[in-house]
Amino acid sequence: MLLCIDIGNTNILLGLYEGDVLGPHWRLATVHERMPDEFAMQLLALFNYANIAPAQVTGVAIASGVATLT
């Protein structure tokens, strides 16, 4: 499963792909003051809500227009 993350100035888009099929996906507000641990906890909560184990993710793709959050 591929985790795709698009970090923008207003929103952070996240999606899980199994092959070409988009599975669970989310839109979060971009909060520049948020610490890395807070992002990790939020991501784990979203995975838990979708019944996805982090070990199911085999790759990550990140696109970012916000250097401070990359």
PDB file of N, CA and C in Angstrom:
ATOM      1  N   MET A   1       0.849  -1.160   0.000  1.00  0.00           N
ATOM      2  CA  MET A   1       0.000   0.000   0.000  1.00  0.00           C
ATOM      3  C   MET A   1       0.904   1.235   0.000  1.00  0.00           C
ATOM      4  N   LEU A   2       0.572   2.219  -0.819  1.00  0.00           N
ATOM      5  CA  LEU A   2       1.351   3.443  -0.952  1.00  0.00           C
ATOM      6  C   LEU A   2       0.619   4.582  -0.261  1.00  0.00           C
ATOM      7  N   LEU A   3       1.304   5.264   0.650  1.00  0.00           N
ATOM      8  CA  LEU A   3       0.764   6.453   1.304  1.00  0.00           C
ATOM      9  C   LEU A   3       1.232   7.669   0.521  1.00  0.00           C
ATOM     10  N   CYS A   4       0.285   8.443  -0.006  1.00  0.00           N
ATOM     11  CA  CYS A   4       0.601   9.664  -0.744  1.00  0.00           C
ATOM     12  C   CYS A   4       0.221  10.862   0.110  1.00  0.00           C
ATOM     13  N   ILE A   5       1.138  11.819   0.215  1.00  0.00           N
ATOM     14  CA  ILE A   5       0.934  13.006   1.034  1.00  0.00           C
ATOM     15  C   ILE A   5       1.215  14.229   0.173  1.00  0.00           C
ATOM     16  N   ASP A   6       0.264  15.160   0.126  1.00  0.00           N
ATOM     17  CA  ASP A   6       0.416  16.422  -0.596  1.00  0.00           C
ATOM     18  C   ASP A   6       0.285  17.541   0.430  1.00  0.00           C
ATOM     19  N   ILE A   7       1.399  18.198   0.736  1.00  0.00           N
ATOM     20  CA  ILE A   7       1.419  19.239   1.758  1.00  0.00           C
ATOM     21  C   ILE A   7       1.295  20.593   1.081  1.00  0.00           C
ATOM     22  N   GLY A   8       0.182  21.265   1.334  1.00  0.00           N
ATOM     23  CA  GLY A   8      -0.043  22.595   0.791  1.00  0.00           C
ATOM     24  C   GLY A   8      -0.129  23.619   1.907  1.00  0.00           C
ATOM     25  N   ASN A   9      -0.194  24.884   1.546  1.00  0.00           N
ATOM     26  CA  ASN A   9      -0.256  25.949   2.544  1.00  0.00           C
ATOM     27  C   ASN A   9      -1.550  25.950   3.334  1.00  0.00           C
ATOM     28  N   THR A  10      -2.630  25.432   2.773  1.00  0.00           N
ATOM     29  CA  THR A  10      -3.930  25.426   3.435  1.00  0.00           C
ATOM     30  C   THR A  10      -4.333  24.047   3.913  1.00  0.00           C
ATOM     31  N   ASN A  11      -4.063  23.022   3.103  1.00  0.00           N
ATOM     32  CA  ASN A  11      -4.479  21.654   3.423  1.00  0.00           C
ATOM     33  C   ASN A  11      -3.346  20.663   3.209  1.00  0.00           C
ATOM     34  N   ILE A  12      -3.435  19.572   3.952  1.00  0.00           N
ATOM     35  CA  ILE A  12      -2.578  18.412   3.725  1.00  0.00           C
ATOM     36  C   ILE A  12      -3.499  17.289   3.273  1.00  0.00           C
ATOM     37  N   LEU A  13      -3.264  16.761   2.089  1.00  0.00           N
ATOM     38  CA  LEU A  13      -4.069  15.669   1.553  1.00  0.00           C
ATOM     39  C   LEU A  13      -3.297  14.373   1.720  1.00  0.00           C
ATOM     40  N   LEU A  14      -3.992  13.346   2.194  1.00  0.00           N
ATOM     41  CA  LEU A  14      -3.382  12.036   2.395  1.00  0.00           C
ATOM     42  C   LEU A  14      -4.261  10.998   1.733  1.00  0.00           C
ATOM     43  N   GLY A  15      -3.647  10.028   1.098  1.00  0.00           N
ATOM     44  CA  GLY A  15      -4.407   8.947   0.484  1.00  0.00           C
ATOM     45  C   GLY A  15      -3.605   7.665   0.477  1.00  0.00           C
ATOM     46  N   LEU A  16      -4.296   6.561   0.610  1.00  0.00           N
ATOM     47  CA  LEU A  16      -3.676   5.239   0.559  1.00  0.00           C
ATOM     48  C   LEU A  16      -4.088   4.559  -0.739  1.00  0.00           C
ATOM     49  N   TYR A  17      -3.097   4.154  -1.521  1.00  0.00           N
ATOM     50  CA  TYR A  17      -3.349   3.480  -2.794  1.00  0.00           C
ATOM     51  C   TYR A  17      -2.945   2.023  -2.701  1.00  0.00           C
ATOM     52  N   GLU A  18      -3.813   1.171  -3.201  1.00  0.00           N
ATOM     53  CA  GLU A  18      -3.510  -0.246  -3.395  1.00  0.00           C
ATOM     54  C   GLU A  18      -3.491  -0.437  -4.904  1.00  0.00           C
ATOM     55  N   GLY A  19      -2.295  -0.450  -5.490  1.00  0.00           N
ATOM     56  CA  GLY A  19      -2.194  -0.437  -6.946  1.00  0.00           C
ATOM     57  C   GLY A  19      -2.676   0.912  -7.454  1.00  0.00           C
ATOM     58  N   ASP A  20      -3.615   0.889  -8.403  1.00  0.00           N
ATOM     59  CA  ASP A  20      -4.172   2.119  -8.963  1.00  0.00           C
ATOM     60  C   ASP A  20      -5.434   2.574  -8.247  1.00  0.00           C
ATOM     61  N   VAL A  21      -5.838   1.870  -7.212  1.00  0.00           N
ATOM     62  CA  VAL A  21      -7.114   2.142  -6.537  1.00  0.00           C
ATOM     63  C   VAL A  21      -6.877   2.975  -5.280  1.00  0.00           C
ATOM     64  N   LEU A  22      -7.547   4.135  -5.214  1.00  0.00           N
ATOM     65  CA  LEU A  22      -7.485   4.978  -4.030  1.00  0.00           C
ATOM     66  C   LEU A  22      -8.382   4.397  -2.950  1.00  0.00           C
ATOM     67  N   GLY A  23      -7.803   4.151  -1.800  1.00  0.00           N
ATOM     68  CA  GLY A  23      -8.552   3.663  -0.641  1.00  0.00           C
ATOM     69  C   GLY A  23      -8.895   4.829   0.266  1.00  0.00           C
ATOM     70  N   PRO A  24      -8.733   4.645   1.567  1.00  0.00           N
ATOM     71  CA  PRO A  24      -9.035   5.731   2.500  1.00  0.00           C
ATOM     72  C   PRO A  24      -8.205   6.972   2.174  1.00  0.00           C
ATOM     73  N   HIS A  25      -8.840   8.126   2.285  1.00  0.00           N
ATOM     74  CA  HIS A  25      -8.141   9.380   2.028  1.00  0.00           C
ATOM     75  C   HIS A  25      -8.711  10.470   2.926  1.00  0.00           C
ATOM     76  N   TRP A  26      -7.882  11.451   3.216  1.00  0.00           N
ATOM     77  CA  TRP A  26      -8.251  12.482   4.181  1.00  0.00           C
ATOM     78  C   TRP A  26      -7.701  13.835   3.758  1.00  0.00           C
ATOM     79  N   ARG A  27      -8.333  14.894   4.291  1.00  0.00           N
ATOM     80  CA  ARG A  27      -7.876  16.277   4.114  1.00  0.00           C
ATOM     81  C   ARG A  27      -7.744  16.880   5.509  1.00  0.00           C
ATOM     82  N   LEU A  28      -6.547  17.368   5.826  1.00  0.00           N
ATOM     83  CA  LEU A  28      -6.273  17.988   7.118  1.00  0.00           C
ATOM     84  C   LEU A  28      -5.912  19.450   6.910  1.00  0.00           C
ATOM     85  N   ALA A  29      -6.201  20.272   7.889  1.00  0.00           N
ATOM     86  CA  ALA A  29      -5.763  21.663   7.844  1.00  0.00           C
ATOM     87  C   ALA A  29      -4.251  21.710   8.049  1.00  0.00           C
ATOM     88  N   THR A  30      -3.590  22.549   7.280  1.00  0.00           N
ATOM     89  CA  THR A  30      -2.160  22.752   7.477  1.00  0.00           C
ATOM     90  C   THR A  30      -1.975  23.678   8.671  1.00  0.00           C
ATOM     91  N   VAL A  31      -1.287  23.181   9.683  1.00  0.00           N
ATOM     92  CA  VAL A  31      -0.992  23.972  10.882  1.00  0.00           C
ATOM     93  C   VAL A  31       0.531  24.044  10.988  1.00  0.00           C
ATOM     94  N   HIS A  32       1.083  25.195  10.661  1.00  0.00           N
ATOM     95  CA  HIS A  32       2.537  25.343  10.594  1.00  0.00           C
ATOM     96  C   HIS A  32       3.214  25.153  11.948  1.00  0.00           C
ATOM     97  N   GLU A  33       2.499  25.394  13.030  1.00  0.00           N
ATOM     98  CA  GLU A  33       3.083  25.289  14.368  1.00  0.00           C
ATOM     99  C   GLU A  33       3.053  23.865  14.920  1.00  0.00           C
ATOM    100  N   ARG A  34       2.400  22.935  14.234  1.00  0.00           N
ATOM    101  CA  ARG A  34       2.274  21.560  14.730  1.00  0.00           C
ATOM    102  C   ARG A  34       3.634  20.859  14.708  1.00  0.00           C
ATOM    103  N   MET A  35       3.906  20.128  15.754  1.00  0.00           N
ATOM    104  CA  MET A  35       5.165  19.391  15.894  1.00  0.00           C
ATOM    105  C   MET A  35       5.091  18.052  15.139  1.00  0.00           C
ATOM    106  N   PRO A  36       6.228  17.497  14.726  1.00  0.00           N
ATOM    107  CA  PRO A  36       6.230  16.211  14.010  1.00  0.00           C
ATOM    108  C   PRO A  36       5.503  15.100  14.763  1.00  0.00           C
ATOM    109  N   ASP A  37       5.659  15.041  16.075  1.00  0.00           N
ATOM    110  CA  ASP A  37       4.964  14.012  16.860  1.00  0.00           C
ATOM    111  C   ASP A  37       3.452  14.155  16.766  1.00  0.00           C
ATOM    112  N   GLU A  38       2.969  15.400  16.674  1.00  0.00           N
ATOM    113  CA  GLU A  38       1.530  15.622  16.551  1.00  0.00           C
ATOM    114  C   GLU A  38       1.014  15.104  15.213  1.00  0.00           C
ATOM    115  N   PHE A  39       1.786  15.339  14.143  1.00  0.00           N
ATOM    116  CA  PHE A  39       1.399  14.806  12.839  1.00  0.00           C
ATOM    117  C   PHE A  39       1.364  13.281  12.876  1.00  0.00           C
ATOM    118  N   ALA A  40       2.360  12.680  13.510  1.00  0.00           N
ATOM    119  CA  ALA A  40       2.417  11.213  13.598  1.00  0.00           C
ATOM    120  C   ALA A  40       1.208  10.666  14.343  1.00  0.00           C
ATOM    121  N   MET A  41       0.851  11.289  15.456  1.00  0.00           N
ATOM    122  CA  MET A  41      -0.301  10.824  16.237  1.00  0.00           C
ATOM    123  C   MET A  41      -1.596  10.973  15.436  1.00  0.00           C
ATOM    124  N   GLN A  42      -1.725  12.066  14.710  1.00  0.00           N
ATOM    125  CA  GLN A  42      -2.915  12.281  13.892  1.00  0.00           C
ATOM    126  C   GLN A  42      -2.996  11.234  12.782  1.00  0.00           C
ATOM    127  N   LEU A  43      -1.874  10.946  12.142  1.00  0.00           N
ATOM    128  CA  LEU A  43      -1.850   9.940  11.083  1.00  0.00           C
ATOM    129  C   LEU A  43      -2.193   8.559  11.635  1.00  0.00           C
ATOM    130  N   LEU A  44      -1.636   8.204  12.777  1.00  0.00           N
ATOM    131  CA  LEU A  44      -1.952   6.913  13.394  1.00  0.00           C
ATOM    132  C   LEU A  44      -3.430   6.813  13.757  1.00  0.00           C
ATOM    133  N   ALA A  45      -4.018   7.903  14.214  1.00  0.00           N
ATOM    134  CA  ALA A  45      -5.449   7.904  14.539  1.00  0.00           C
ATOM    135  C   ALA A  45      -6.287   7.690  13.279  1.00  0.00           C
ATOM    136  N   LEU A  46      -5.896   8.307  12.168  1.00  0.00           N
ATOM    137  CA  LEU A  46      -6.623   8.117  10.909  1.00  0.00           C
ATOM    138  C   LEU A  46      -6.500   6.676  10.429  1.00  0.00           C
ATOM    139  N   PHE A  47      -5.301   6.115  10.522  1.00  0.00           N
ATOM    140  CA  PHE A  47      -5.110   4.710  10.154  1.00  0.00           C
ATOM    141  C   PHE A  47      -5.991   3.814  11.015  1.00  0.00           C
ATOM    142  N   ASN A  48      -6.004   4.057  12.305  1.00  0.00           N
ATOM    143  CA  ASN A  48      -6.806   3.255  13.227  1.00  0.00           C
ATOM    144  C   ASN A  48      -8.287   3.341  12.862  1.00  0.00           C
ATOM    145  N   TYR A  49      -8.768   4.541  12.560  1.00  0.00           N
ATOM    146  CA  TYR A  49     -10.168   4.746  12.191  1.00  0.00           C
ATOM    147  C   TYR A  49     -10.526   3.952  10.930  1.00  0.00           C
ATOM    148  N   ALA A  50      -9.559   3.832  10.010  1.00  0.00           N
ATOM    149  CA  ALA A  50      -9.787   3.119   8.744  1.00  0.00           C
ATOM    150  C   ALA A  50      -9.400   1.643   8.834  1.00  0.00           C
ATOM    151  N   ASN A  51      -9.058   1.171  10.028  1.00  0.00           N
ATOM    152  CA  ASN A  51      -8.627  -0.220  10.234  1.00  0.00           C
ATOM    153  C   ASN A  51      -7.425  -0.585   9.365  1.00  0.00           C
ATOM    154  N   ILE A  52      -6.481   0.334   9.266  1.00  0.00           N
ATOM    155  CA  ILE A  52      -5.253   0.120   8.512  1.00  0.00           C
ATOM    156  C   ILE A  52      -4.100   0.025   9.508  1.00  0.00           C
ATOM    157  N   ALA A  53      -3.316  -1.026   9.416  1.00  0.00           N
ATOM    158  CA  ALA A  53      -2.119  -1.154  10.245  1.00  0.00           C
ATOM    159  C   ALA A  53      -0.968  -0.427   9.545  1.00  0.00           C
ATOM    160  N   PRO A  54      -0.184   0.359  10.259  1.00  0.00           N
ATOM    161  CA  PRO A  54       0.943   1.054   9.621  1.00  0.00           C
ATOM    162  C   PRO A  54       1.868   0.110   8.854  1.00  0.00           C
ATOM    163  N   ALA A  55       1.984  -1.131   9.294  1.00  0.00           N
ATOM    164  CA  ALA A  55       2.850  -2.102   8.609  1.00  0.00           C
ATOM    165  C   ALA A  55       2.351  -2.433   7.206  1.00  0.00           C
ATOM    166  N   GLN A  56       1.089  -2.118   6.898  1.00  0.00           N
ATOM    167  CA  GLN A  56       0.547  -2.367   5.564  1.00  0.00           C
ATOM    168  C   GLN A  56       1.097  -1.378   4.536  1.00  0.00           C
ATOM    169  N   VAL A  57       1.629  -0.261   4.998  1.00  0.00           N
ATOM    170  CA  VAL A  57       2.185   0.754   4.098  1.00  0.00           C
ATOM    171  C   VAL A  57       3.593   0.324   3.707  1.00  0.00           C
ATOM    172  N   THR A  58       3.803   0.172   2.402  1.00  0.00           N
ATOM    173  CA  THR A  58       5.101  -0.280   1.904  1.00  0.00           C
ATOM    174  C   THR A  58       5.894   0.830   1.226  1.00  0.00           C
ATOM    175  N   GLY A  59       5.268   1.992   1.045  1.00  0.00           N
ATOM    176  CA  GLY A  59       5.959   3.113   0.424  1.00  0.00           C
ATOM    177  C   GLY A  59       5.246   4.410   0.721  1.00  0.00           C
ATOM    178  N   VAL A  60       5.988   5.506   0.589  1.00  0.00           N
ATOM    179  CA  VAL A  60       5.440   6.840   0.841  1.00  0.00           C
ATOM    180  C   VAL A  60       5.900   7.764  -0.273  1.00  0.00           C
ATOM    181  N   ALA A  61       4.969   8.582  -0.796  1.00  0.00           N
ATOM    182  CA  ALA A  61       5.295   9.622  -1.771  1.00  0.00           C
ATOM    183  C   ALA A  61       4.838  10.951  -1.185  1.00  0.00           C
ATOM    184  N   ILE A  62       5.738  11.937  -1.168  1.00  0.00           N
ATOM    185  CA  ILE A  62       5.428  13.239  -0.585  1.00  0.00           C
ATOM    186  C   ILE A  62       5.642  14.321  -1.631  1.00  0.00           C
ATOM    187  N   ALA A  63       4.633  15.195  -1.768  1.00  0.00           N
ATOM    188  CA  ALA A  63       4.754  16.411  -2.569  1.00  0.00           C
ATOM    189  C   ALA A  63       4.484  17.565  -1.619  1.00  0.00           C
ATOM    190  N   SER A  64       5.319  18.600  -1.675  1.00  0.00           N
ATOM    191  CA  SER A  64       5.156  19.681  -0.715  1.00  0.00           C
ATOM    192  C   SER A  64       5.498  21.027  -1.325  1.00  0.00           C
ATOM    193  N   GLY A  65       4.652  22.000  -1.022  1.00  0.00           N
ATOM    194  CA  GLY A  65       4.927  23.389  -1.352  1.00  0.00           C
ATOM    195  C   GLY A  65       5.261  24.174  -0.097  1.00  0.00           C
ATOM    196  N   VAL A  66       5.436  23.468   1.018  1.00  0.00           N
ATOM    197  CA  VAL A  66       5.686  24.105   2.311  1.00  0.00           C
ATOM    198  C   VAL A  66       6.968  23.497   2.887  1.00  0.00           C
ATOM    199  N   ALA A  67       8.085  24.120   2.595  1.00  0.00           N
ATOM    200  CA  ALA A  67       9.382  23.554   2.985  1.00  0.00           C
ATOM    201  C   ALA A  67       9.501  23.323   4.483  1.00  0.00           C
ATOM    202  N   THR A  68       8.904  24.174   5.299  1.00  0.00           N
ATOM    203  CA  THR A  68       9.038  24.029   6.752  1.00  0.00           C
ATOM    204  C   THR A  68       8.327  22.801   7.289  1.00  0.00           C
ATOM    205  N   LEU A  69       7.403  22.224   6.524  1.00  0.00           N
ATOM    206  CA  LEU A  69       6.670  21.043   6.980  1.00  0.00           C
ATOM    207  C   LEU A  69       7.141  19.757   6.314  1.00  0.00           C
ATOM    208  N   THR A  70       8.088  19.852   5.419  1.00  0.00           N
ATOM    209  CA  THR A  70       8.545  18.672   4.695  1.00  0.00           C
ATOM    210  C   THR A  70       9.600  17.916   5.474  1.00  0.00           C
TER     211      THR A  70
END
